[in-house]
Amino acid sequence: MLFPEPEAFLDEVEAVARIGGAELMRYWRSLTPDQVSEKARNDLVSAADLASERAIVAAVAARFPEHRVLSEEAGWSRDDDSGPVWIVDPLDGTTNFVHGIPQFAVSIGVVAAGRVDFGVVLDPCKGDVFTAARGCGARWNGAPCRVSRQSGLAGSLLATGFPFKAHRLLDPYLAIFREAFLRCKSVRRPGAAALDLAYTACGLFDGFFEFQLSPWDVAAGAVLIEEAGGVITDMEGGGGWLASGNVVCGPAGVHGELLDIVHEHRDAWRAALAGG
């Protein structure tokens, strides 16, 4: 059987996320320098990431051997292209984790029939878990949650992330940031996109935008946003956020005004992506 009923399967996804979270907490504020390395400039990986990932991949294989895993560090668990896919970030917010900042998460989204239908974002440090199954709503620590009632940017609290791995995009990003900053109440940059999405889904943030993310950063949070009554699109206003990694989301009014700002700077953004 590929799936049990949705709520039961979501419980399984949460259980697997907690296995990964337990591995992270074994390393929390105890990493040694030799347990941290740089995959690319400003892009860290630690023994904690790898231990969490191994535990999650093993747990999925034991529970659902027909399923595949796409994870940040190991890539695909199998080469075939059949079965549901678990999109896993075993540690979102590695830089925070390495520096002892308690803002990080395990993020798991599960794709069936071409779309993300299940999502779990677990913060093992604070004990928060955000869960969603397509058609069943979103929950924060077991209680239903919704995006905020904010109708537009005026008075809103936004979250964002800097394009730290794509410096060529910094100028168009800063132009978007500047206009959004001038129109909202304030902007936060906590450093873990999965939690930014989860916080937006439960109304702590009124909106979120970030560009050039990876599928494992976005998959779980996206279904949380949608099931919490919000809107999530790519920078074109379409549904290509998983492939592009470009995300604009929030309640409809906030999302719409953010997207208008993004569109005003679309030519500069496209030129930067093209290397122009």
C-alpha atoms as a PDB file:
ATOM      1  CA  MET A   1       0.000   0.000   0.000  1.00  0.00           C
ATOM      2  CA  LEU A   2       1.480   3.322  -1.073  1.00  0.00           C
ATOM      3  CA  PHE A   3      -0.463   5.419   1.460  1.00  0.00           C
ATOM      4  CA  PRO A   4      -2.675   4.859   4.472  1.00  0.00           C
ATOM      5  CA  GLU A   5      -5.502   7.383   4.911  1.00  0.00           C
ATOM      6  CA  PRO A   6      -4.230  10.987   4.820  1.00  0.00           C
ATOM      7  CA  GLU A   7      -4.262  11.817   8.539  1.00  0.00           C
ATOM      8  CA  ALA A   8      -2.622   8.517   9.421  1.00  0.00           C
ATOM      9  CA  PHE A   9       0.036   9.032   6.768  1.00  0.00           C
ATOM     10  CA  LEU A  10       0.678  12.570   8.024  1.00  0.00           C
ATOM     11  CA  ASP A  11       1.293  11.087  11.479  1.00  0.00           C
ATOM     12  CA  GLU A  12       3.909   8.829   9.892  1.00  0.00           C
ATOM     13  CA  VAL A  13       5.609  11.786   8.227  1.00  0.00           C
ATOM     14  CA  GLU A  14       5.691  13.619  11.549  1.00  0.00           C
ATOM     15  CA  ALA A  15       7.124  10.538  13.269  1.00  0.00           C
ATOM     16  CA  VAL A  16       9.915  10.369  10.696  1.00  0.00           C
ATOM     17  CA  ALA A  17      10.623  14.099  11.102  1.00  0.00           C
ATOM     18  CA  ARG A  18      10.923  13.582  14.855  1.00  0.00           C
ATOM     19  CA  ILE A  19      13.498  10.852  14.277  1.00  0.00           C
ATOM     20  CA  GLY A  20      15.564  13.346  12.309  1.00  0.00           C
ATOM     21  CA  GLY A  21      14.998  16.037  14.924  1.00  0.00           C
ATOM     22  CA  ALA A  22      16.243  13.755  17.689  1.00  0.00           C
ATOM     23  CA  GLU A  23      19.486  13.281  15.758  1.00  0.00           C
ATOM     24  CA  LEU A  24      19.906  17.040  15.430  1.00  0.00           C
ATOM     25  CA  MET A  25      19.504  17.590  19.151  1.00  0.00           C
ATOM     26  CA  ARG A  26      22.316  15.121  19.854  1.00  0.00           C
ATOM     27  CA  TYR A  27      24.653  17.657  18.202  1.00  0.00           C
ATOM     28  CA  TRP A  28      22.974  20.871  19.357  1.00  0.00           C
ATOM     29  CA  ARG A  29      25.596  23.353  20.603  1.00  0.00           C
ATOM     30  CA  SER A  30      28.184  20.589  20.767  1.00  0.00           C
ATOM     31  CA  LEU A  31      29.560  20.486  17.198  1.00  0.00           C
ATOM     32  CA  THR A  32      33.326  20.551  16.913  1.00  0.00           C
ATOM     33  CA  PRO A  33      35.127  22.365  14.064  1.00  0.00           C
ATOM     34  CA  ASP A  34      35.985  19.093  12.336  1.00  0.00           C
ATOM     35  CA  GLN A  35      32.241  18.257  12.173  1.00  0.00           C
ATOM     36  CA  VAL A  36      31.473  21.257   9.944  1.00  0.00           C
ATOM     37  CA  SER A  37      32.535  21.757   6.331  1.00  0.00           C
ATOM     38  CA  GLU A  38      31.678  24.037   3.413  1.00  0.00           C
ATOM     39  CA  LYS A  39      30.012  22.488   0.350  1.00  0.00           C
ATOM     40  CA  ALA A  40      30.362  25.761  -1.520  1.00  0.00           C
ATOM     41  CA  ARG A  41      30.965  29.347  -0.527  1.00  0.00           C
ATOM     42  CA  ASN A  42      28.693  30.208   2.437  1.00  0.00           C
ATOM     43  CA  ASP A  43      26.935  26.820   2.163  1.00  0.00           C
ATOM     44  CA  LEU A  44      27.661  24.655   5.214  1.00  0.00           C
ATOM     45  CA  VAL A  45      27.064  21.007   6.016  1.00  0.00           C
ATOM     46  CA  SER A  46      27.607  19.426   9.408  1.00  0.00           C
ATOM     47  CA  ALA A  47      27.654  16.042  11.068  1.00  0.00           C
ATOM     48  CA  ALA A  48      24.189  16.913  12.373  1.00  0.00           C
ATOM     49  CA  ASP A  49      22.756  17.320   8.835  1.00  0.00           C
ATOM     50  CA  LEU A  50      24.209  13.986   7.793  1.00  0.00           C
ATOM     51  CA  ALA A  51      23.069  12.087  10.885  1.00  0.00           C
ATOM     52  CA  SER A  52      19.528  13.450  10.587  1.00  0.00           C
ATOM     53  CA  GLU A  53      19.426  12.612   6.887  1.00  0.00           C
ATOM     54  CA  ARG A  54      20.632   9.030   7.400  1.00  0.00           C
ATOM     55  CA  ALA A  55      18.026   8.454  10.104  1.00  0.00           C
ATOM     56  CA  ILE A  56      15.212   9.884   7.983  1.00  0.00           C
ATOM     57  CA  VAL A  57      16.133   7.916   4.845  1.00  0.00           C
ATOM     58  CA  ALA A  58      16.342   4.700   6.866  1.00  0.00           C
ATOM     59  CA  ALA A  59      12.987   5.379   8.546  1.00  0.00           C
ATOM     60  CA  VAL A  60      11.248   5.991   5.218  1.00  0.00           C
ATOM     61  CA  ALA A  61      12.746   2.813   3.743  1.00  0.00           C
ATOM     62  CA  ALA A  62      11.566   0.774   6.733  1.00  0.00           C
ATOM     63  CA  ARG A  63       8.024   2.182   6.727  1.00  0.00           C
ATOM     64  CA  PHE A  64       7.382   2.718   3.011  1.00  0.00           C
ATOM     65  CA  PRO A  65       9.834   0.743   0.861  1.00  0.00           C
ATOM     66  CA  GLU A  66       7.914   1.719  -2.312  1.00  0.00           C
ATOM     67  CA  HIS A  67       8.668   5.404  -1.696  1.00  0.00           C
ATOM     68  CA  ARG A  68      11.730   7.359  -2.798  1.00  0.00           C
ATOM     69  CA  VAL A  69      13.576  10.132  -0.969  1.00  0.00           C
ATOM     70  CA  LEU A  70      15.124  13.273  -2.427  1.00  0.00           C
ATOM     71  CA  SER A  71      17.254  14.827   0.304  1.00  0.00           C
ATOM     72  CA  GLU A  72      19.588  17.796   0.388  1.00  0.00           C
ATOM     73  CA  GLU A  73      22.859  16.032   1.064  1.00  0.00           C
ATOM     74  CA  ALA A  74      22.430  12.533  -0.392  1.00  0.00           C
ATOM     75  CA  GLY A  75      20.207  13.269  -3.392  1.00  0.00           C
ATOM     76  CA  TRP A  76      17.962  10.418  -4.558  1.00  0.00           C
ATOM     77  CA  SER A  77      17.643   7.270  -2.486  1.00  0.00           C
ATOM     78  CA  ARG A  78      16.894   5.207  -5.630  1.00  0.00           C
ATOM     79  CA  ASP A  79      17.432   5.668  -9.366  1.00  0.00           C
ATOM     80  CA  ASP A  80      13.989   4.556 -10.537  1.00  0.00           C
ATOM     81  CA  ASP A  81      11.219   7.086 -11.149  1.00  0.00           C
ATOM     82  CA  SER A  82       8.264   5.294  -9.566  1.00  0.00           C
ATOM     83  CA  GLY A  83       6.377   5.849  -6.343  1.00  0.00           C
ATOM     84  CA  PRO A  84       5.743   8.841  -4.084  1.00  0.00           C
ATOM     85  CA  VAL A  85       8.693  11.079  -3.256  1.00  0.00           C
ATOM     86  CA  TRP A  86       9.711  12.446   0.139  1.00  0.00           C
ATOM     87  CA  ILE A  87      11.510  15.780  -0.308  1.00  0.00           C
ATOM     88  CA  VAL A  88      13.679  16.149   2.770  1.00  0.00           C
ATOM     89  CA  ASP A  89      15.751  18.879   4.322  1.00  0.00           C
ATOM     90  CA  PRO A  90      17.291  17.158   7.349  1.00  0.00           C
ATOM     91  CA  LEU A  91      18.456  20.500   8.742  1.00  0.00           C
ATOM     92  CA  ASP A  92      17.096  23.741   7.344  1.00  0.00           C
ATOM     93  CA  GLY A  93      19.053  26.581   8.901  1.00  0.00           C
ATOM     94  CA  THR A  94      22.459  24.899   9.113  1.00  0.00           C
ATOM     95  CA  THR A  95      24.294  28.205   9.616  1.00  0.00           C
ATOM     96  CA  ASN A  96      22.036  29.042  12.559  1.00  0.00           C
ATOM     97  CA  PHE A  97      22.586  25.564  13.970  1.00  0.00           C
ATOM     98  CA  VAL A  98      26.370  25.755  13.640  1.00  0.00           C
ATOM     99  CA  HIS A  99      26.408  29.143  15.402  1.00  0.00           C
ATOM    100  CA  GLY A 100      24.126  27.932  18.197  1.00  0.00           C
ATOM    101  CA  ILE A 101      21.150  30.052  17.119  1.00  0.00           C
ATOM    102  CA  PRO A 102      17.878  28.225  17.931  1.00  0.00           C
ATOM    103  CA  GLN A 103      16.165  28.759  14.577  1.00  0.00           C
ATOM    104  CA  PHE A 104      16.320  25.583  12.488  1.00  0.00           C
ATOM    105  CA  ALA A 105      14.045  22.751  11.423  1.00  0.00           C
ATOM    106  CA  VAL A 106      13.524  19.397   9.792  1.00  0.00           C
ATOM    107  CA  SER A 107      11.378  19.854   6.684  1.00  0.00           C
ATOM    108  CA  ILE A 108       9.618  17.007   4.846  1.00  0.00           C
ATOM    109  CA  GLY A 109       7.202  17.307   1.940  1.00  0.00           C
ATOM    110  CA  VAL A 110       5.719  14.273   0.213  1.00  0.00           C
ATOM    111  CA  VAL A 111       4.821  14.367  -3.476  1.00  0.00           C
ATOM    112  CA  ALA A 112       2.151  12.096  -4.920  1.00  0.00           C
ATOM    113  CA  ALA A 113       0.787  12.318  -8.478  1.00  0.00           C
ATOM    114  CA  GLY A 114       2.988  15.296  -9.261  1.00  0.00           C
ATOM    115  CA  ARG A 115       2.119  17.644  -6.401  1.00  0.00           C
ATOM    116  CA  VAL A 116       3.109  18.117  -2.784  1.00  0.00           C
ATOM    117  CA  ASP A 117       0.242  16.676  -0.747  1.00  0.00           C
ATOM    118  CA  PHE A 118       1.805  16.384   2.723  1.00  0.00           C
ATOM    119  CA  GLY A 119       4.119  18.629   4.696  1.00  0.00           C
ATOM    120  CA  VAL A 120       5.763  18.611   8.110  1.00  0.00           C
ATOM    121  CA  VAL A 121       8.090  21.271   9.494  1.00  0.00           C
ATOM    122  CA  LEU A 122       9.526  20.359  12.890  1.00  0.00           C
ATOM    123  CA  ASP A 123      11.459  22.709  15.172  1.00  0.00           C
ATOM    124  CA  PRO A 124      13.023  20.261  17.647  1.00  0.00           C
ATOM    125  CA  CYS A 125      14.605  23.023  19.689  1.00  0.00           C
ATOM    126  CA  LYS A 126      11.387  24.901  20.513  1.00  0.00           C
ATOM    127  CA  GLY A 127       9.111  21.867  20.296  1.00  0.00           C
ATOM    128  CA  ASP A 128       6.966  23.293  17.489  1.00  0.00           C
ATOM    129  CA  VAL A 129       5.553  21.114  14.727  1.00  0.00           C
ATOM    130  CA  PHE A 130       3.590  22.360  11.719  1.00  0.00           C
ATOM    131  CA  THR A 131       1.681  19.785   9.650  1.00  0.00           C
ATOM    132  CA  ALA A 132      -0.605  19.760   6.623  1.00  0.00           C
ATOM    133  CA  ALA A 133      -2.285  17.234   4.352  1.00  0.00           C
ATOM    134  CA  ARG A 134      -3.965  18.270   1.117  1.00  0.00           C
ATOM    135  CA  GLY A 135      -7.655  18.851   1.770  1.00  0.00           C
ATOM    136  CA  CYS A 136      -7.303  18.396   5.542  1.00  0.00           C
ATOM    137  CA  GLY A 137      -6.068  21.830   6.612  1.00  0.00           C
ATOM    138  CA  ALA A 138      -2.914  22.951   8.418  1.00  0.00           C
ATOM    139  CA  ARG A 139      -2.055  22.533  12.084  1.00  0.00           C
ATOM    140  CA  TRP A 140       0.396  24.042  14.537  1.00  0.00           C
ATOM    141  CA  ASN A 141       1.106  21.731  17.481  1.00  0.00           C
ATOM    142  CA  GLY A 142      -2.106  19.887  16.699  1.00  0.00           C
ATOM    143  CA  ALA A 143      -4.406  22.922  16.586  1.00  0.00           C
ATOM    144  CA  PRO A 144      -5.797  24.286  13.297  1.00  0.00           C
ATOM    145  CA  CYS A 145      -3.929  27.312  11.986  1.00  0.00           C
ATOM    146  CA  ARG A 146      -4.601  29.968   9.355  1.00  0.00           C
ATOM    147  CA  VAL A 147      -2.659  32.696   7.624  1.00  0.00           C
ATOM    148  CA  SER A 148      -3.125  36.161   9.093  1.00  0.00           C
ATOM    149  CA  ARG A 149      -6.048  38.440   8.273  1.00  0.00           C
ATOM    150  CA  GLN A 150      -3.720  41.149   7.005  1.00  0.00           C
ATOM    151  CA  SER A 151      -5.220  42.663   3.868  1.00  0.00           C
ATOM    152  CA  GLY A 152      -2.107  44.288   2.418  1.00  0.00           C
ATOM    153  CA  LEU A 153       1.456  45.379   3.036  1.00  0.00           C
ATOM    154  CA  ALA A 154       0.597  48.389   5.188  1.00  0.00           C
ATOM    155  CA  GLY A 155       1.035  47.288   8.803  1.00  0.00           C
ATOM    156  CA  SER A 156       2.367  43.840   7.846  1.00  0.00           C
ATOM    157  CA  LEU A 157       5.313  41.922   9.303  1.00  0.00           C
ATOM    158  CA  LEU A 158       7.226  40.181   6.540  1.00  0.00           C
ATOM    159  CA  ALA A 159       9.975  37.589   6.454  1.00  0.00           C
ATOM    160  CA  THR A 160      12.592  37.118   3.769  1.00  0.00           C
ATOM    161  CA  GLY A 161      15.905  35.469   3.017  1.00  0.00           C
ATOM    162  CA  PHE A 162      18.932  36.904   1.274  1.00  0.00           C
ATOM    163  CA  PRO A 163      20.315  35.349  -1.955  1.00  0.00           C
ATOM    164  CA  PHE A 164      23.527  34.396  -0.161  1.00  0.00           C
ATOM    165  CA  LYS A 165      24.400  31.676  -2.675  1.00  0.00           C
ATOM    166  CA  ALA A 166      23.609  33.821  -5.748  1.00  0.00           C
ATOM    167  CA  HIS A 167      25.281  37.201  -5.317  1.00  0.00           C
ATOM    168  CA  ARG A 168      24.542  38.193  -8.919  1.00  0.00           C
ATOM    169  CA  LEU A 169      20.906  38.550  -7.833  1.00  0.00           C
ATOM    170  CA  LEU A 170      21.636  40.847  -4.919  1.00  0.00           C
ATOM    171  CA  ASP A 171      20.864  44.162  -6.637  1.00  0.00           C
ATOM    172  CA  PRO A 172      17.380  43.237  -7.955  1.00  0.00           C
ATOM    173  CA  TYR A 173      16.634  41.524  -4.644  1.00  0.00           C
ATOM    174  CA  LEU A 174      17.597  44.648  -2.692  1.00  0.00           C
ATOM    175  CA  ALA A 175      15.390  46.776  -4.932  1.00  0.00           C
ATOM    176  CA  ILE A 176      12.442  44.496  -4.121  1.00  0.00           C
ATOM    177  CA  PHE A 177      13.379  44.463  -0.443  1.00  0.00           C
ATOM    178  CA  ARG A 178      13.605  48.272  -0.310  1.00  0.00           C
ATOM    179  CA  GLU A 179      10.137  48.827  -1.717  1.00  0.00           C
ATOM    180  CA  ALA A 180       8.556  46.104   0.441  1.00  0.00           C
ATOM    181  CA  PHE A 181      10.360  47.486   3.520  1.00  0.00           C
ATOM    182  CA  LEU A 182       9.054  50.998   2.880  1.00  0.00           C
ATOM    183  CA  ARG A 183       5.470  49.747   2.568  1.00  0.00           C
ATOM    184  CA  CYS A 184       5.268  47.265   5.452  1.00  0.00           C
ATOM    185  CA  LYS A 185       5.678  47.525   9.237  1.00  0.00           C
ATOM    186  CA  SER A 186       8.922  45.543   9.443  1.00  0.00           C
ATOM    187  CA  VAL A 187      10.916  42.724   7.866  1.00  0.00           C
ATOM    188  CA  ARG A 188      12.648  39.800   9.570  1.00  0.00           C
ATOM    189  CA  ARG A 189      15.377  37.505   8.230  1.00  0.00           C
ATOM    190  CA  PRO A 190      15.459  34.515  10.641  1.00  0.00           C
ATOM    191  CA  GLY A 191      17.538  32.206   8.436  1.00  0.00           C
ATOM    192  CA  ALA A 192      15.425  29.064   7.956  1.00  0.00           C
ATOM    193  CA  ALA A 193      13.025  29.227   5.016  1.00  0.00           C
ATOM    194  CA  ALA A 194      10.959  26.216   6.094  1.00  0.00           C
ATOM    195  CA  LEU A 195      10.161  27.919   9.398  1.00  0.00           C
ATOM    196  CA  ASP A 196       9.494  31.240   7.642  1.00  0.00           C
ATOM    197  CA  LEU A 197       6.867  29.462   5.547  1.00  0.00           C
ATOM    198  CA  ALA A 198       5.431  27.687   8.587  1.00  0.00           C
ATOM    199  CA  TYR A 199       5.262  30.933  10.559  1.00  0.00           C
ATOM    200  CA  THR A 200       3.464  32.572   7.631  1.00  0.00           C
ATOM    201  CA  ALA A 201       1.014  29.662   7.491  1.00  0.00           C
ATOM    202  CA  CYS A 202       0.076  30.153  11.143  1.00  0.00           C
ATOM    203  CA  GLY A 203      -0.082  33.943  10.982  1.00  0.00           C
ATOM    204  CA  LEU A 204       3.066  34.886  12.894  1.00  0.00           C
ATOM    205  CA  PHE A 205       4.401  36.480   9.711  1.00  0.00           C
ATOM    206  CA  ASP A 206       2.031  38.185   7.289  1.00  0.00           C
ATOM    207  CA  GLY A 207       4.060  37.288   4.211  1.00  0.00           C
ATOM    208  CA  PHE A 208       7.315  35.832   2.966  1.00  0.00           C
ATOM    209  CA  PHE A 209       9.455  36.162  -0.127  1.00  0.00           C
ATOM    210  CA  GLU A 210      12.731  34.549  -1.072  1.00  0.00           C
ATOM    211  CA  PHE A 211      14.397  33.524  -4.305  1.00  0.00           C
ATOM    212  CA  GLN A 212      16.640  30.699  -5.521  1.00  0.00           C
ATOM    213  CA  LEU A 213      15.615  28.252  -2.816  1.00  0.00           C
ATOM    214  CA  SER A 214      15.895  24.473  -3.243  1.00  0.00           C
ATOM    215  CA  PRO A 215      12.927  22.056  -3.412  1.00  0.00           C
ATOM    216  CA  TRP A 216      13.628  20.744   0.106  1.00  0.00           C
ATOM    217  CA  ASP A 217      13.454  24.308   1.472  1.00  0.00           C
ATOM    218  CA  VAL A 218      10.004  24.872   0.017  1.00  0.00           C
ATOM    219  CA  ALA A 219       8.049  21.634  -0.379  1.00  0.00           C
ATOM    220  CA  ALA A 220       6.619  21.202   3.122  1.00  0.00           C
ATOM    221  CA  GLY A 221       6.028  24.898   3.736  1.00  0.00           C
ATOM    222  CA  ALA A 222       4.142  25.345   0.483  1.00  0.00           C
ATOM    223  CA  VAL A 223       1.411  22.858   1.354  1.00  0.00           C
ATOM    224  CA  LEU A 224       1.204  24.450   4.810  1.00  0.00           C
ATOM    225  CA  ILE A 225       0.581  27.856   3.207  1.00  0.00           C
ATOM    226  CA  GLU A 226      -2.093  26.554   0.861  1.00  0.00           C
ATOM    227  CA  GLU A 227      -3.892  24.493   3.484  1.00  0.00           C
ATOM    228  CA  ALA A 228      -3.816  27.485   5.860  1.00  0.00           C
ATOM    229  CA  GLY A 229      -5.718  29.590   3.327  1.00  0.00           C
ATOM    230  CA  GLY A 230      -2.769  31.468   1.857  1.00  0.00           C
ATOM    231  CA  VAL A 231      -1.409  31.953  -1.643  1.00  0.00           C
ATOM    232  CA  ILE A 232       2.028  30.829  -2.807  1.00  0.00           C
ATOM    233  CA  THR A 233       3.460  31.441  -6.267  1.00  0.00           C
ATOM    234  CA  ASP A 234       6.735  31.869  -8.059  1.00  0.00           C
ATOM    235  CA  MET A 235       7.921  35.363  -9.032  1.00  0.00           C
ATOM    236  CA  GLU A 236       5.882  35.171 -12.238  1.00  0.00           C
ATOM    237  CA  GLY A 237       2.699  34.537 -10.283  1.00  0.00           C
ATOM    238  CA  GLY A 238       2.520  30.900 -11.380  1.00  0.00           C
ATOM    239  CA  GLY A 239       2.910  27.512  -9.774  1.00  0.00           C
ATOM    240  CA  GLY A 240       6.560  26.903 -10.622  1.00  0.00           C
ATOM    241  CA  TRP A 241       7.899  27.626  -7.138  1.00  0.00           C
ATOM    242  CA  LEU A 242       9.169  24.086  -6.566  1.00  0.00           C
ATOM    243  CA  ALA A 243      11.261  24.067  -9.733  1.00  0.00           C
ATOM    244  CA  SER A 244      12.414  27.684  -9.671  1.00  0.00           C
ATOM    245  CA  GLY A 245      12.869  28.113  -5.922  1.00  0.00           C
ATOM    246  CA  ASN A 246      11.348  31.585  -6.189  1.00  0.00           C
ATOM    247  CA  VAL A 247       8.611  32.065  -3.586  1.00  0.00           C
ATOM    248  CA  VAL A 248       6.129  34.834  -2.809  1.00  0.00           C
ATOM    249  CA  CYS A 249       3.414  33.944  -0.306  1.00  0.00           C
ATOM    250  CA  GLY A 250       0.955  35.103   2.323  1.00  0.00           C
ATOM    251  CA  PRO A 251      -2.718  36.015   2.609  1.00  0.00           C
ATOM    252  CA  ALA A 252      -4.163  37.006  -0.767  1.00  0.00           C
ATOM    253  CA  GLY A 253      -3.835  40.769  -0.257  1.00  0.00           C
ATOM    254  CA  VAL A 254      -0.268  40.654   1.033  1.00  0.00           C
ATOM    255  CA  HIS A 255       0.764  38.186  -1.646  1.00  0.00           C
ATOM    256  CA  GLY A 256      -0.767  40.342  -4.373  1.00  0.00           C
ATOM    257  CA  GLU A 257       1.032  43.511  -3.303  1.00  0.00           C
ATOM    258  CA  LEU A 258       4.344  41.684  -2.877  1.00  0.00           C
ATOM    259  CA  LEU A 259       3.980  40.151  -6.321  1.00  0.00           C
ATOM    260  CA  ASP A 260       3.290  43.586  -7.822  1.00  0.00           C
ATOM    261  CA  ILE A 261       6.617  44.784  -6.391  1.00  0.00           C
ATOM    262  CA  VAL A 262       8.424  41.723  -7.729  1.00  0.00           C
ATOM    263  CA  HIS A 263       6.914  42.319 -11.183  1.00  0.00           C
ATOM    264  CA  GLU A 264       8.118  45.928 -11.195  1.00  0.00           C
ATOM    265  CA  HIS A 265      11.681  44.603 -11.016  1.00  0.00           C
ATOM    266  CA  ARG A 266      11.203  41.555 -13.203  1.00  0.00           C
ATOM    267  CA  ASP A 267      13.393  42.757 -16.089  1.00  0.00           C
ATOM    268  CA  ALA A 268      16.355  43.394 -13.772  1.00  0.00           C
ATOM    269  CA  TRP A 269      15.823  40.015 -12.137  1.00  0.00           C
ATOM    270  CA  ARG A 270      15.691  38.180 -15.436  1.00  0.00           C
ATOM    271  CA  ALA A 271      18.836  39.958 -16.661  1.00  0.00           C
ATOM    272  CA  ALA A 272      20.686  38.972 -13.497  1.00  0.00           C
ATOM    273  CA  LEU A 273      19.593  35.341 -13.891  1.00  0.00           C
ATOM    274  CA  ALA A 274      20.809  35.403 -17.482  1.00  0.00           C
ATOM    275  CA  GLY A 275      24.134  36.869 -16.415  1.00  0.00           C
ATOM    276  CA  GLY A 276      23.411  40.210 -18.018  1.00  0.00           C
END
